[in-house]
C-alpha atoms as a PDB file:
ATOM      1  CA  MET A   1      -6.922-145.778-112.734  1.00  0.00           C
ATOM      2  CA  ALA A   2      -9.958-145.367-110.277  1.00  0.00           C
ATOM      3  CA  ARG A   3      -9.222-143.240-107.192  1.00  0.00           C
ATOM      4  CA  THR A   4     -10.658-144.497-103.776  1.00  0.00           C
ATOM      5  CA  LEU A   5     -12.759-142.023-101.865  1.00  0.00           C
ATOM      6  CA  ILE A   6     -13.420-142.673 -98.824  1.00  0.00           C
ATOM      7  CA  ARG A   7     -14.005-145.879 -96.700  1.00  0.00           C
ATOM      8  CA  TYR A   8     -16.929-145.617 -94.365  1.00  0.00           C
ATOM      9  CA  SER A   9     -14.734-147.069 -91.421  1.00  0.00           C
ATOM     10  CA  GLN A  10     -13.076-143.354 -91.510  1.00  0.00           C
ATOM     11  CA  VAL A  11     -16.430-141.627 -91.329  1.00  0.00           C
ATOM     12  CA  ARG A  12     -17.428-140.368 -87.664  1.00  0.00           C
ATOM     13  CA  ARG A  13     -20.498-138.082 -86.226  1.00  0.00           C
ATOM     14  CA  THR A  14     -18.987-134.560 -85.264  1.00  0.00           C
ATOM     15  CA  GLU A  15     -21.365-135.022 -81.950  1.00  0.00           C
ATOM     16  CA  PRO A  16     -20.705-137.835 -79.388  1.00  0.00           C
ATOM     17  CA  GLU A  17     -23.541-141.044 -79.967  1.00  0.00           C
ATOM     18  CA  SER A  18     -26.705-140.216 -78.360  1.00  0.00           C
ATOM     19  CA  GLY A  19     -28.510-143.065 -79.270  1.00  0.00           C
ATOM     20  CA  ALA A  20     -28.469-144.589 -82.676  1.00  0.00           C
ATOM     21  CA  ASN A  21     -31.473-142.495 -84.387  1.00  0.00           C
ATOM     22  CA  ASP A  22     -32.633-140.642 -87.918  1.00  0.00           C
ATOM     23  CA  LEU A  23     -31.939-137.436 -86.555  1.00  0.00           C
ATOM     24  CA  ASP A  24     -28.318-138.876 -85.416  1.00  0.00           C
ATOM     25  CA  PHE A  25     -27.511-137.979 -89.156  1.00  0.00           C
ATOM     26  CA  ALA A  26     -28.621-134.521 -89.139  1.00  0.00           C
ATOM     27  CA  LYS A  27     -25.791-134.103 -86.600  1.00  0.00           C
ATOM     28  CA  GLY A  28     -22.979-135.102 -89.342  1.00  0.00           C
ATOM     29  CA  ARG A  29     -20.427-137.183 -90.360  1.00  0.00           C
ATOM     30  CA  ALA A  30     -16.489-136.280 -90.182  1.00  0.00           C
ATOM     31  CA  TYR A  31     -12.989-137.331 -90.702  1.00  0.00           C
ATOM     32  CA  GLU A  32      -9.468-136.450 -90.659  1.00  0.00           C
ATOM     33  CA  ALA A  33      -7.429-135.872 -93.388  1.00  0.00           C
ATOM     34  CA  ASP A  34      -4.566-134.004 -94.820  1.00  0.00           C
ATOM     35  CA  CYS A  35      -4.936-131.521 -96.914  1.00  0.00           C
ATOM     36  CA  LEU A  36      -2.812-128.050 -98.137  1.00  0.00           C
ATOM     37  CA  ALA A  37      -2.032-125.704 -95.747  1.00  0.00           C
ATOM     38  CA  ALA A  38      -4.254-123.148 -97.981  1.00  0.00           C
ATOM     39  CA  ASP A  39      -6.970-125.309 -97.580  1.00  0.00           C
ATOM     40  CA  VAL A  40      -9.553-123.475 -95.036  1.00  0.00           C
ATOM     41  CA  ALA A  41     -12.525-124.213 -93.607  1.00  0.00           C
ATOM     42  CA  GLY A  42     -15.372-123.651 -95.612  1.00  0.00           C
ATOM     43  CA  LYS A  43     -13.883-125.079 -99.293  1.00  0.00           C
ATOM     44  CA  PHE A  44     -14.819-128.028-100.608  1.00  0.00           C
ATOM     45  CA  VAL A  45     -12.791-131.215-101.345  1.00  0.00           C
ATOM     46  CA  TYR A  46     -12.126-133.883-103.629  1.00  0.00           C
ATOM     47  CA  VAL A  47      -9.948-136.913-102.856  1.00  0.00           C
ATOM     48  CA  THR A  48      -6.279-136.135-104.676  1.00  0.00           C
ATOM     49  CA  GLY A  49      -4.840-139.961-104.430  1.00  0.00           C
ATOM     50  CA  PRO A  50      -4.601-143.006-102.205  1.00  0.00           C
ATOM     51  CA  GLU A  51      -4.517-142.581 -98.480  1.00  0.00           C
ATOM     52  CA  VAL A  52      -0.987-142.390 -96.798  1.00  0.00           C
ATOM     53  CA  ALA A  53      -0.892-143.858 -93.844  1.00  0.00           C
ATOM     54  CA  GLY A  54      -4.664-144.288 -93.865  1.00  0.00           C
ATOM     55  CA  ILE A  55      -4.920-140.486 -93.451  1.00  0.00           C
ATOM     56  CA  PRO A  56      -7.348-139.639 -97.003  1.00  0.00           C
ATOM     57  CA  GLN A  57      -5.732-137.123 -99.223  1.00  0.00           C
ATOM     58  CA  VAL A  58      -7.808-133.781-100.203  1.00  0.00           C
ATOM     59  CA  SER A  59      -7.335-130.469-101.966  1.00  0.00           C
ATOM     60  CA  THR A  60     -10.144-127.932-102.636  1.00  0.00           C
ATOM     61  CA  VAL A  61     -12.505-128.833-105.436  1.00  0.00           C
ATOM     62  CA  ASP A  62     -12.106-126.799-109.043  1.00  0.00           C
ATOM     63  CA  ILE A  63     -15.216-126.694-110.602  1.00  0.00           C
ATOM     64  CA  THR A  64     -13.514-125.913-114.156  1.00  0.00           C
ATOM     65  CA  ASN A  65     -11.333-129.062-113.921  1.00  0.00           C
ATOM     66  CA  PRO A  66     -13.018-132.859-114.041  1.00  0.00           C
ATOM     67  CA  ALA A  67     -10.217-134.445-112.638  1.00  0.00           C
ATOM     68  CA  LYS A  68     -10.606-132.386-109.116  1.00  0.00           C
ATOM     69  CA  MET A  69     -13.960-133.060-108.650  1.00  0.00           C
ATOM     70  CA  PRO A  70     -16.594-134.297-107.876  1.00  0.00           C
ATOM     71  CA  SER A  71     -16.129-133.104-104.065  1.00  0.00           C
ATOM     72  CA  VAL A  72     -16.518-135.853-100.624  1.00  0.00           C
ATOM     73  CA  GLY A  73     -17.260-133.014 -98.280  1.00  0.00           C
ATOM     74  CA  MET A  74     -16.017-129.755 -96.527  1.00  0.00           C
ATOM     75  CA  ILE A  75     -13.449-128.251 -94.651  1.00  0.00           C
ATOM     76  CA  VAL A  76     -15.105-127.612 -90.863  1.00  0.00           C
ATOM     77  CA  ALA A  77     -11.935-127.178 -89.692  1.00  0.00           C
ATOM     78  CA  LYS A  78      -8.306-127.219 -89.178  1.00  0.00           C
ATOM     79  CA  THR A  79      -6.177-129.025 -86.503  1.00  0.00           C
ATOM     80  CA  THR A  80      -2.539-128.515 -88.056  1.00  0.00           C
ATOM     81  CA  ALA A  81      -1.808-126.870 -91.254  1.00  0.00           C
ATOM     82  CA  THR A  82      -2.394-129.685 -93.146  1.00  0.00           C
ATOM     83  CA  ARG A  83      -4.773-131.761 -91.404  1.00  0.00           C
ATOM     84  CA  CYS A  84      -8.370-130.783 -91.547  1.00  0.00           C
ATOM     85  CA  THR A  85     -11.872-132.359 -90.335  1.00  0.00           C
ATOM     86  CA  VAL A  86     -13.857-133.226 -93.770  1.00  0.00           C
ATOM     87  CA  GLN A  87     -17.511-133.321 -92.763  1.00  0.00           C
ATOM     88  CA  THR A  88     -19.759-135.469 -95.057  1.00  0.00           C
ATOM     89  CA  VAL A  89     -23.041-134.573 -94.194  1.00  0.00           C
ATOM     90  CA  GLY A  90     -25.337-133.429 -91.633  1.00  0.00           C
ATOM     91  CA  GLU A  91     -25.941-129.836 -90.890  1.00  0.00           C
ATOM     92  CA  THR A  92     -23.271-126.926 -90.836  1.00  0.00           C
ATOM     93  CA  SER A  93     -23.321-123.135 -89.980  1.00  0.00           C
ATOM     94  CA  LEU A  94     -20.292-121.835 -91.423  1.00  0.00           C
ATOM     95  CA  PHE A  95     -22.715-119.998 -94.285  1.00  0.00           C
ATOM     96  CA  VAL A  96     -25.295-117.772 -94.155  1.00  0.00           C
ATOM     97  CA  THR A  97     -28.100-118.606 -96.203  1.00  0.00           C
ATOM     98  CA  VAL A  98     -31.705-119.073 -97.461  1.00  0.00           C
ATOM     99  CA  PRO A  99     -34.081-121.301 -96.394  1.00  0.00           C
ATOM    100  CA  GLY A 100     -35.225-123.511 -99.000  1.00  0.00           C
ATOM    101  CA  GLY A 101     -32.798-122.290-101.564  1.00  0.00           C
ATOM    102  CA  ARG A 102     -30.230-125.555-102.986  1.00  0.00           C
ATOM    103  CA  TYR A 103     -26.102-125.119-102.806  1.00  0.00           C
ATOM    104  CA  PHE A 104     -23.896-125.410-105.063  1.00  0.00           C
ATOM    105  CA  ILE A 105     -19.751-125.473-105.723  1.00  0.00           C
ATOM    106  CA  ASP A 106     -18.590-122.041-106.839  1.00  0.00           C
ATOM    107  CA  VAL A 107     -15.546-121.578-108.374  1.00  0.00           C
ATOM    108  CA  ALA A 108     -13.984-120.314-105.374  1.00  0.00           C
ATOM    109  CA  GLY A 109     -14.477-123.741-104.172  1.00  0.00           C
ATOM    110  CA  VAL A 110     -17.227-122.953-101.373  1.00  0.00           C
ATOM    111  CA  ALA A 111     -21.188-122.434-101.249  1.00  0.00           C
ATOM    112  CA  THR A 112     -23.380-120.085-103.667  1.00  0.00           C
ATOM    113  CA  ASN A 113     -26.982-120.553-103.835  1.00  0.00           C
ATOM    114  CA  SER A 114     -26.553-119.730-107.242  1.00  0.00           C
ATOM    115  CA  PRO A 115     -26.070-122.193-109.848  1.00  0.00           C
ATOM    116  CA  PRO A 116     -22.638-121.399-111.306  1.00  0.00           C
ATOM    117  CA  THR A 117     -22.864-121.320-115.199  1.00  0.00           C
ATOM    118  CA  PRO A 118     -19.711-121.027-117.320  1.00  0.00           C
ATOM    119  CA  VAL A 119     -17.874-117.732-118.634  1.00  0.00           C
ATOM    120  CA  THR A 120     -15.657-119.788-121.332  1.00  0.00           C
ATOM    121  CA  GLY A 121     -14.836-123.131-121.426  1.00  0.00           C
ATOM    122  CA  GLU A 122     -17.218-125.639-119.346  1.00  0.00           C
ATOM    123  CA  ILE A 123     -17.388-125.986-115.910  1.00  0.00           C
ATOM    124  CA  PHE A 124     -19.153-129.062-113.545  1.00  0.00           C
ATOM    125  CA  GLN A 125     -22.357-128.155-111.143  1.00  0.00           C
ATOM    126  CA  GLN A 126     -22.610-129.833-108.160  1.00  0.00           C
ATOM    127  CA  LEU A 127     -25.073-129.729-106.054  1.00  0.00           C
ATOM    128  CA  ILE A 128     -24.358-130.270-102.491  1.00  0.00           C
ATOM    129  CA  GLY A 129     -27.058-129.420 -99.568  1.00  0.00           C
ATOM    130  CA  VAL A 130     -29.809-127.090 -99.077  1.00  0.00           C
ATOM    131  CA  GLY A 131     -30.048-124.254 -96.861  1.00  0.00           C
ATOM    132  CA  LEU A 132     -32.284-124.771 -93.694  1.00  0.00           C
ATOM    133  CA  GLU A 133     -32.452-121.017 -91.830  1.00  0.00           C
ATOM    134  CA  SER A 134     -29.942-118.328 -92.522  1.00  0.00           C
ATOM    135  CA  SER A 135     -27.145-119.784 -90.610  1.00  0.00           C
ATOM    136  CA  ARG A 136     -27.163-123.422 -91.784  1.00  0.00           C
ATOM    137  CA  LEU A 137     -27.504-125.552 -94.133  1.00  0.00           C
ATOM    138  CA  LEU A 138     -27.662-129.737 -94.445  1.00  0.00           C
ATOM    139  CA  LEU A 139     -24.796-130.725 -96.836  1.00  0.00           C
ATOM    140  CA  ASN A 140     -26.079-133.940 -98.690  1.00  0.00           C
ATOM    141  CA  PHE A 141     -23.223-134.751-101.259  1.00  0.00           C
ATOM    142  CA  ASN A 142     -24.117-136.908-103.839  1.00  0.00           C
ATOM    143  CA  GLY A 143     -21.488-137.204-106.213  1.00  0.00           C
ATOM    144  CA  GLN A 144     -23.887-136.448-109.245  1.00  0.00           C
ATOM    145  CA  LEU A 145     -21.863-133.605-111.818  1.00  0.00           C
ATOM    146  CA  VAL A 146     -23.779-131.773-114.442  1.00  0.00           C
ATOM    147  CA  ASN A 147     -21.319-130.669-117.242  1.00  0.00           C
ATOM    148  CA  LEU A 148     -22.252-127.217-118.524  1.00  0.00           C
ATOM    149  CA  LYS A 149     -19.967-125.534-121.778  1.00  0.00           C
ATOM    150  CA  SER A 150     -20.674-122.031-122.842  1.00  0.00           C
END
């Protein structure tokens, strides 16, 4: 059964609208979701199932399990133990980055500029953004996974 990802109507800007233009993209887009208490800011998430009371259900990705991929965003804040704000695109400063570096999701569910490779079994590699400067990452999810086997 196909999983519904996120409805566009749920996505909002991470900062107040200041006049629609192309620069607004860099400010980011985010939505509120239910997550596990163990999910923390900086982790990348996938949709775990249908919405509950109109709220998307997400959890940390597992790059070794295709059922727990692709990532649809990154947790940027926890408003309660099980409610989080998930950013889908735009700039974030939660990481130290290499300017111009391409960023992927690692086995811990966080960003890395070293493309993960399988030690045993297989992994599902997903490009999630580009480093802009030493403390800014531009998130841009395309959902494309590369299946790599050891």
